[in-house]
Amino acid sequence: MNAPRTVRFHEVMKGRIAAATAPGNDTGIASTVLEADVAIDDLDAFLVDPNRRARLSGEVRIEGRGTFPAEGKVELFVVGDRPGHRLMRYEATFTIASSQHRLVGTKHVGRASGVFVWRDVTTLYTTIWRLDAPPVATAAGVLKLSLWQGIRLLLSLRGSGIGAILRFARFFLAESLAAAVGWPR
């Protein structure tokens, strides 16, 4: 039996979040980084799964708060709520001062992208939740993958052979272009 084909890559998104400071006070702004190692453990299964889920491990860095190890998942090019619309979802759970938090972000890729599809596949609309009962949103903002970080991501692609890497790259490009022109898949 052949071992499953795997793919992994390293992604660094940076931005600013508006963080609630205290009831009645102004919102603070904090530079934030999501540094993620994404692993697809079985590329063949990933490509046929409508959720297209991969593992995420890495860290969340929040200015003034610190650096926190994070674990979670990524879903790439999940079908959205209108024809041709795709979502790329990120979840990263981490702990700050013994309280669990989850960074949840979504990239929206769709027909409106057109020639600006790069902007959409690199812009993560982000909310950070404190996971107490009930969960409370504590911050929100936008993280972006810069052109330089995009190049570094491409150079970080690794897998169980060049065939696996090329197949993943073809999938990513085809889904980006299909969403940009509104093709349903």
Foldseek 3Di string as FASTA:
>chain_A
DDQAKKKKWKFKWKDKKFFDDDPPDGTDIKIKMDIWIWMDRHLVVLVPDLQSKTKIWDWMQIPPQGIWTWIDMWGWFRDDDDFLKGKIWDWIWTDGPNWIKIKIWIQIFAQVCAVVLQFRVFKIWIWMWGVDVPIDTGITDIIGGDPVSVVNRLVRMDMDDPVSNVVVVVVNVVSSVSRNNRHGD
